[in-house]
Amino acid sequence: MKTLFSLFVLLLLISACGTESSSGNQELEQIINEELGIEPFIPEYEPYPIGIATINYHTEVENREAVQGEPSGAGVSYLTSKEEELDLDEDLKNEWEDKQRKKLIYGDFYQDPVVIDLTVYKGSVGSVNEAEVVEIEGHEVQYQYLEREHNDYVVYAMDFDSFGYMIIYHLVDGRTEEDATEFVSDIIVNNK
């Protein structure tokens, strides 16, 4: 009987390890839902904190002048750390928001290097030039590996029912393509 119980506990532990997924940033997910009317999963990703998150807006033209249009999505930047905060006053932040057609909704401005740029689009993400289509967790994903002088990075784009993701994962700080795919896999699993 003890052997049967031990086998049951072992199988339970193995199955629990196989279904592990990260938790989401519920505060940020709620803000995005309120601003855009969509419910994307925004993962916590240790050891990389979210430095800044914004609501992004379309640019429209009124009287031959570019103005902020309707919200188009949300941008989230994961950083190597949050040690080098920029000391910007409210006027500078407002000026940045106006010029960039973005609204700061979470975090602050930092000089620390970006590891991941995640953008959630209201509707479809569209297509990525020269990307190949791969399958991750049974989901179709546009994929592109780009080699650059300072660091390589991997681009992923995928759509769900009412929104899409574009992820630029910088291969810095010892990170690999496999790490990038695990990050994307976690997002897919938690959006099903």
C-alpha atoms as a PDB file:
ATOM      1  CA  MET A   1       0.000   0.000   0.000  1.00  0.00           C
ATOM      2  CA  LYS A   2       2.861   2.393   0.817  1.00  0.00           C
ATOM      3  CA  THR A   3       4.367   1.720  -2.613  1.00  0.00           C
ATOM      4  CA  LEU A   4       1.084   2.565  -4.312  1.00  0.00           C
ATOM      5  CA  PHE A   5       0.764   5.780  -2.273  1.00  0.00           C
ATOM      6  CA  SER A   6       4.387   6.737  -3.059  1.00  0.00           C
ATOM      7  CA  LEU A   7       3.777   6.126  -6.755  1.00  0.00           C
ATOM      8  CA  PHE A   8       0.651   8.306  -6.618  1.00  0.00           C
ATOM      9  CA  VAL A   9       2.560  11.169  -4.915  1.00  0.00           C
ATOM     10  CA  LEU A  10       5.398  10.883  -7.455  1.00  0.00           C
ATOM     11  CA  LEU A  11       2.963  11.043 -10.388  1.00  0.00           C
ATOM     12  CA  LEU A  12       1.223  14.027  -8.804  1.00  0.00           C
ATOM     13  CA  LEU A  13       4.541  15.876  -8.439  1.00  0.00           C
ATOM     14  CA  ILE A  14       5.571  15.100 -12.012  1.00  0.00           C
ATOM     15  CA  SER A  15       2.257  16.322 -13.424  1.00  0.00           C
ATOM     16  CA  ALA A  16       2.418  19.512 -11.341  1.00  0.00           C
ATOM     17  CA  CYS A  17       5.884  20.311 -12.679  1.00  0.00           C
ATOM     18  CA  GLY A  18       4.741  19.798 -16.247  1.00  0.00           C
ATOM     19  CA  THR A  19       1.879  22.279 -15.988  1.00  0.00           C
ATOM     20  CA  GLU A  20       3.751  25.107 -14.311  1.00  0.00           C
ATOM     21  CA  SER A  21       3.073  28.571 -15.625  1.00  0.00           C
ATOM     22  CA  SER A  22       3.909  31.984 -14.307  1.00  0.00           C
ATOM     23  CA  SER A  23       1.539  34.346 -12.648  1.00  0.00           C
ATOM     24  CA  GLY A  24       0.362  37.418 -14.404  1.00  0.00           C
ATOM     25  CA  ASN A  25       0.653  41.016 -13.352  1.00  0.00           C
ATOM     26  CA  GLN A  26      -2.987  41.418 -12.352  1.00  0.00           C
ATOM     27  CA  GLU A  27      -2.765  45.158 -11.632  1.00  0.00           C
ATOM     28  CA  LEU A  28      -1.381  45.876 -15.099  1.00  0.00           C
ATOM     29  CA  GLU A  29      -3.790  43.438 -16.774  1.00  0.00           C
ATOM     30  CA  GLN A  30      -6.715  45.247 -15.117  1.00  0.00           C
ATOM     31  CA  ILE A  31      -5.496  48.680 -16.271  1.00  0.00           C
ATOM     32  CA  ILE A  32      -5.106  47.398 -19.853  1.00  0.00           C
ATOM     33  CA  ASN A  33      -8.587  45.890 -19.713  1.00  0.00           C
ATOM     34  CA  GLU A  34     -10.079  49.192 -18.515  1.00  0.00           C
ATOM     35  CA  GLU A  35      -8.221  51.221 -21.170  1.00  0.00           C
ATOM     36  CA  LEU A  36      -8.577  48.870 -24.168  1.00  0.00           C
ATOM     37  CA  GLY A  37     -11.415  46.467 -23.365  1.00  0.00           C
ATOM     38  CA  ILE A  38      -9.193  43.389 -23.844  1.00  0.00           C
ATOM     39  CA  GLU A  39      -7.880  40.823 -21.359  1.00  0.00           C
ATOM     40  CA  PRO A  40      -4.311  39.845 -22.282  1.00  0.00           C
ATOM     41  CA  PHE A  41      -2.002  37.909 -19.981  1.00  0.00           C
ATOM     42  CA  ILE A  42       1.012  39.998 -18.911  1.00  0.00           C
ATOM     43  CA  PRO A  43       3.517  37.668 -17.231  1.00  0.00           C
ATOM     44  CA  GLU A  44       5.742  38.380 -14.284  1.00  0.00           C
ATOM     45  CA  TYR A  45       9.203  37.371 -15.479  1.00  0.00           C
ATOM     46  CA  GLU A  46      11.875  36.961 -12.827  1.00  0.00           C
ATOM     47  CA  PRO A  47      14.487  38.308 -12.524  1.00  0.00           C
ATOM     48  CA  TYR A  48      13.381  41.025 -14.957  1.00  0.00           C
ATOM     49  CA  PRO A  49      10.978  43.641 -13.577  1.00  0.00           C
ATOM     50  CA  ILE A  50       8.512  45.600 -15.645  1.00  0.00           C
ATOM     51  CA  GLY A  51       9.982  49.073 -15.880  1.00  0.00           C
ATOM     52  CA  ILE A  52       7.278  50.890 -17.796  1.00  0.00           C
ATOM     53  CA  ALA A  53       3.927  50.221 -19.418  1.00  0.00           C
ATOM     54  CA  THR A  54       2.029  52.553 -21.707  1.00  0.00           C
ATOM     55  CA  ILE A  55      -1.193  52.803 -23.638  1.00  0.00           C
ATOM     56  CA  ASN A  56      -0.317  53.532 -27.266  1.00  0.00           C
ATOM     57  CA  TYR A  57      -2.538  55.640 -29.529  1.00  0.00           C
ATOM     58  CA  HIS A  58      -3.109  55.862 -33.269  1.00  0.00           C
ATOM     59  CA  THR A  59      -2.004  59.072 -34.942  1.00  0.00           C
ATOM     60  CA  GLU A  60      -4.766  60.929 -36.758  1.00  0.00           C
ATOM     61  CA  VAL A  61      -4.709  64.089 -38.837  1.00  0.00           C
ATOM     62  CA  GLU A  62      -7.005  67.002 -38.040  1.00  0.00           C
ATOM     63  CA  ASN A  63      -6.665  70.293 -39.905  1.00  0.00           C
ATOM     64  CA  ARG A  64      -3.357  69.100 -41.373  1.00  0.00           C
ATOM     65  CA  GLU A  65      -1.975  68.466 -37.908  1.00  0.00           C
ATOM     66  CA  ALA A  66      -1.087  65.121 -36.342  1.00  0.00           C
ATOM     67  CA  VAL A  67      -3.126  64.450 -33.210  1.00  0.00           C
ATOM     68  CA  GLN A  68      -3.654  61.572 -30.827  1.00  0.00           C
ATOM     69  CA  GLY A  69      -6.338  59.173 -32.004  1.00  0.00           C
ATOM     70  CA  GLU A  70      -7.982  56.129 -30.462  1.00  0.00           C
ATOM     71  CA  PRO A  71      -5.984  53.691 -28.283  1.00  0.00           C
ATOM     72  CA  SER A  72      -4.299  50.969 -30.357  1.00  0.00           C
ATOM     73  CA  GLY A  73      -2.573  48.831 -27.753  1.00  0.00           C
ATOM     74  CA  ALA A  74      -0.286  48.653 -24.755  1.00  0.00           C
ATOM     75  CA  GLY A  75       3.495  48.530 -24.520  1.00  0.00           C
ATOM     76  CA  VAL A  76       5.349  46.786 -21.683  1.00  0.00           C
ATOM     77  CA  SER A  77       9.133  46.878 -21.188  1.00  0.00           C
ATOM     78  CA  TYR A  78      10.958  44.360 -19.010  1.00  0.00           C
ATOM     79  CA  LEU A  79      14.336  45.622 -17.782  1.00  0.00           C
ATOM     80  CA  THR A  80      17.547  44.059 -16.480  1.00  0.00           C
ATOM     81  CA  SER A  81      16.881  46.014 -13.261  1.00  0.00           C
ATOM     82  CA  LYS A  82      15.198  49.161 -11.999  1.00  0.00           C
ATOM     83  CA  GLU A  83      18.282  50.754 -10.483  1.00  0.00           C
ATOM     84  CA  GLU A  84      18.745  53.773 -12.751  1.00  0.00           C
ATOM     85  CA  GLU A  85      15.472  55.692 -12.542  1.00  0.00           C
ATOM     86  CA  LEU A  86      15.332  58.905 -14.531  1.00  0.00           C
ATOM     87  CA  ASP A  87      14.372  61.904 -12.437  1.00  0.00           C
ATOM     88  CA  LEU A  88      11.749  63.496 -14.689  1.00  0.00           C
ATOM     89  CA  ASP A  89       9.239  66.036 -13.454  1.00  0.00           C
ATOM     90  CA  GLU A  90       5.571  65.836 -14.432  1.00  0.00           C
ATOM     91  CA  ASP A  91       5.964  68.444 -17.183  1.00  0.00           C
ATOM     92  CA  LEU A  92       8.651  66.364 -18.937  1.00  0.00           C
ATOM     93  CA  LYS A  93       6.559  63.197 -18.582  1.00  0.00           C
ATOM     94  CA  ASN A  94       3.526  64.975 -20.047  1.00  0.00           C
ATOM     95  CA  GLU A  95       5.626  66.336 -22.910  1.00  0.00           C
ATOM     96  CA  TRP A  96       6.934  62.809 -23.629  1.00  0.00           C
ATOM     97  CA  GLU A  97       3.383  61.409 -23.596  1.00  0.00           C
ATOM     98  CA  ASP A  98       2.197  64.092 -26.031  1.00  0.00           C
ATOM     99  CA  LYS A  99       5.093  63.627 -28.462  1.00  0.00           C
ATOM    100  CA  GLN A 100       5.021  59.827 -28.362  1.00  0.00           C
ATOM    101  CA  ARG A 101       1.213  59.587 -28.338  1.00  0.00           C
ATOM    102  CA  LYS A 102       1.422  57.288 -25.336  1.00  0.00           C
ATOM    103  CA  LYS A 103       0.105  57.372 -21.795  1.00  0.00           C
ATOM    104  CA  LEU A 104       2.178  56.062 -18.897  1.00  0.00           C
ATOM    105  CA  ILE A 105       0.002  53.588 -16.989  1.00  0.00           C
ATOM    106  CA  TYR A 106       2.501  51.631 -14.911  1.00  0.00           C
ATOM    107  CA  GLY A 107       6.064  52.025 -13.676  1.00  0.00           C
ATOM    108  CA  ASP A 108       8.412  54.853 -14.527  1.00  0.00           C
ATOM    109  CA  PHE A 109      11.310  55.841 -16.776  1.00  0.00           C
ATOM    110  CA  TYR A 110      14.624  53.991 -16.297  1.00  0.00           C
ATOM    111  CA  GLN A 111      17.989  53.913 -18.032  1.00  0.00           C
ATOM    112  CA  ASP A 112      18.457  50.186 -17.406  1.00  0.00           C
ATOM    113  CA  PRO A 113      18.703  47.988 -20.534  1.00  0.00           C
ATOM    114  CA  VAL A 114      15.517  46.470 -21.951  1.00  0.00           C
ATOM    115  CA  VAL A 115      15.350  42.673 -22.135  1.00  0.00           C
ATOM    116  CA  ILE A 116      11.826  42.342 -23.548  1.00  0.00           C
ATOM    117  CA  ASP A 117       9.556  44.751 -25.389  1.00  0.00           C
ATOM    118  CA  LEU A 118       6.027  43.352 -25.367  1.00  0.00           C
ATOM    119  CA  THR A 119       3.257  45.111 -27.277  1.00  0.00           C
ATOM    120  CA  VAL A 120      -0.372  44.038 -27.086  1.00  0.00           C
ATOM    121  CA  TYR A 121      -2.476  45.226 -30.019  1.00  0.00           C
ATOM    122  CA  LYS A 122      -6.210  45.716 -29.902  1.00  0.00           C
ATOM    123  CA  GLY A 123      -7.340  43.499 -32.781  1.00  0.00           C
ATOM    124  CA  SER A 124      -4.705  41.795 -34.926  1.00  0.00           C
ATOM    125  CA  VAL A 125      -0.945  42.209 -34.729  1.00  0.00           C
ATOM    126  CA  GLY A 126      -0.656  42.022 -38.518  1.00  0.00           C
ATOM    127  CA  SER A 127       2.211  40.346 -40.317  1.00  0.00           C
ATOM    128  CA  VAL A 128       5.939  40.598 -39.681  1.00  0.00           C
ATOM    129  CA  ASN A 129       8.121  41.047 -42.782  1.00  0.00           C
ATOM    130  CA  GLU A 130      10.263  38.011 -43.559  1.00  0.00           C
ATOM    131  CA  ALA A 131       8.984  36.063 -40.546  1.00  0.00           C
ATOM    132  CA  GLU A 132       8.470  32.335 -40.692  1.00  0.00           C
ATOM    133  CA  VAL A 133       5.423  30.719 -39.136  1.00  0.00           C
ATOM    134  CA  VAL A 134       6.126  28.234 -36.342  1.00  0.00           C
ATOM    135  CA  GLU A 135       3.922  26.418 -33.877  1.00  0.00           C
ATOM    136  CA  ILE A 136       4.374  26.929 -30.133  1.00  0.00           C
ATOM    137  CA  GLU A 137       2.015  25.199 -27.697  1.00  0.00           C
ATOM    138  CA  GLY A 138      -0.261  24.364 -30.638  1.00  0.00           C
ATOM    139  CA  HIS A 139      -0.565  28.054 -31.560  1.00  0.00           C
ATOM    140  CA  GLU A 140       0.572  29.641 -34.829  1.00  0.00           C
ATOM    141  CA  VAL A 141       3.318  32.213 -34.202  1.00  0.00           C
ATOM    142  CA  GLN A 142       5.282  34.454 -36.561  1.00  0.00           C
ATOM    143  CA  TYR A 143       8.965  34.105 -35.715  1.00  0.00           C
ATOM    144  CA  GLN A 144      12.119  35.918 -36.740  1.00  0.00           C
ATOM    145  CA  TYR A 145      15.700  35.718 -35.409  1.00  0.00           C
ATOM    146  CA  LEU A 146      17.710  38.888 -36.020  1.00  0.00           C
ATOM    147  CA  GLU A 147      21.462  39.197 -35.620  1.00  0.00           C
ATOM    148  CA  ARG A 148      22.768  42.630 -34.718  1.00  0.00           C
ATOM    149  CA  GLU A 149      26.173  44.049 -33.839  1.00  0.00           C
ATOM    150  CA  HIS A 150      25.467  44.655 -30.149  1.00  0.00           C
ATOM    151  CA  ASN A 151      23.033  41.834 -29.452  1.00  0.00           C
ATOM    152  CA  ASP A 152      20.777  39.426 -31.272  1.00  0.00           C
ATOM    153  CA  TYR A 153      17.067  39.345 -30.657  1.00  0.00           C
ATOM    154  CA  VAL A 154      14.046  37.239 -31.464  1.00  0.00           C
ATOM    155  CA  VAL A 155      10.708  38.609 -32.668  1.00  0.00           C
ATOM    156  CA  TYR A 156       7.437  36.760 -32.104  1.00  0.00           C
ATOM    157  CA  ALA A 157       3.964  37.840 -33.225  1.00  0.00           C
ATOM    158  CA  MET A 158       0.710  36.025 -32.543  1.00  0.00           C
ATOM    159  CA  ASP A 159      -3.001  36.699 -32.500  1.00  0.00           C
ATOM    160  CA  PHE A 160      -5.751  35.632 -30.142  1.00  0.00           C
ATOM    161  CA  ASP A 161      -9.491  36.376 -30.393  1.00  0.00           C
ATOM    162  CA  SER A 162      -9.560  40.127 -29.741  1.00  0.00           C
ATOM    163  CA  PHE A 163      -5.883  41.072 -29.503  1.00  0.00           C
ATOM    164  CA  GLY A 164      -2.400  40.200 -30.684  1.00  0.00           C
ATOM    165  CA  TYR A 165       1.115  40.256 -29.246  1.00  0.00           C
ATOM    166  CA  MET A 166       4.413  41.447 -30.690  1.00  0.00           C
ATOM    167  CA  ILE A 167       7.379  40.416 -28.550  1.00  0.00           C
ATOM    168  CA  ILE A 168      10.953  41.533 -29.100  1.00  0.00           C
ATOM    169  CA  TYR A 169      13.200  39.456 -26.853  1.00  0.00           C
ATOM    170  CA  HIS A 170      16.783  40.770 -26.643  1.00  0.00           C
ATOM    171  CA  LEU A 171      19.332  38.001 -26.155  1.00  0.00           C
ATOM    172  CA  VAL A 172      21.321  39.832 -23.474  1.00  0.00           C
ATOM    173  CA  ASP A 173      22.362  39.001 -19.946  1.00  0.00           C
ATOM    174  CA  GLY A 174      23.002  35.346 -20.894  1.00  0.00           C
ATOM    175  CA  ARG A 175      19.499  34.868 -22.303  1.00  0.00           C
ATOM    176  CA  THR A 176      18.965  32.383 -25.126  1.00  0.00           C
ATOM    177  CA  GLU A 177      16.468  31.715 -27.882  1.00  0.00           C
ATOM    178  CA  GLU A 178      15.079  28.898 -25.716  1.00  0.00           C
ATOM    179  CA  ASP A 179      14.404  31.405 -22.910  1.00  0.00           C
ATOM    180  CA  ALA A 180      12.537  33.584 -25.395  1.00  0.00           C
ATOM    181  CA  THR A 181      10.423  30.652 -26.582  1.00  0.00           C
ATOM    182  CA  GLU A 182       9.577  29.738 -22.962  1.00  0.00           C
ATOM    183  CA  PHE A 183       8.387  33.313 -22.361  1.00  0.00           C
ATOM    184  CA  VAL A 184       6.139  33.137 -25.441  1.00  0.00           C
ATOM    185  CA  SER A 185       4.926  29.665 -24.481  1.00  0.00           C
ATOM    186  CA  ASP A 186       3.838  30.960 -21.073  1.00  0.00           C
ATOM    187  CA  ILE A 187       1.821  33.732 -22.721  1.00  0.00           C
ATOM    188  CA  ILE A 188       0.115  31.271 -25.077  1.00  0.00           C
ATOM    189  CA  VAL A 189      -0.765  28.802 -22.308  1.00  0.00           C
ATOM    190  CA  ASN A 190      -2.223  31.566 -20.145  1.00  0.00           C
ATOM    191  CA  ASN A 191      -4.334  33.020 -22.979  1.00  0.00           C
ATOM    192  CA  LYS A 192      -6.126  29.764 -23.795  1.00  0.00           C
END
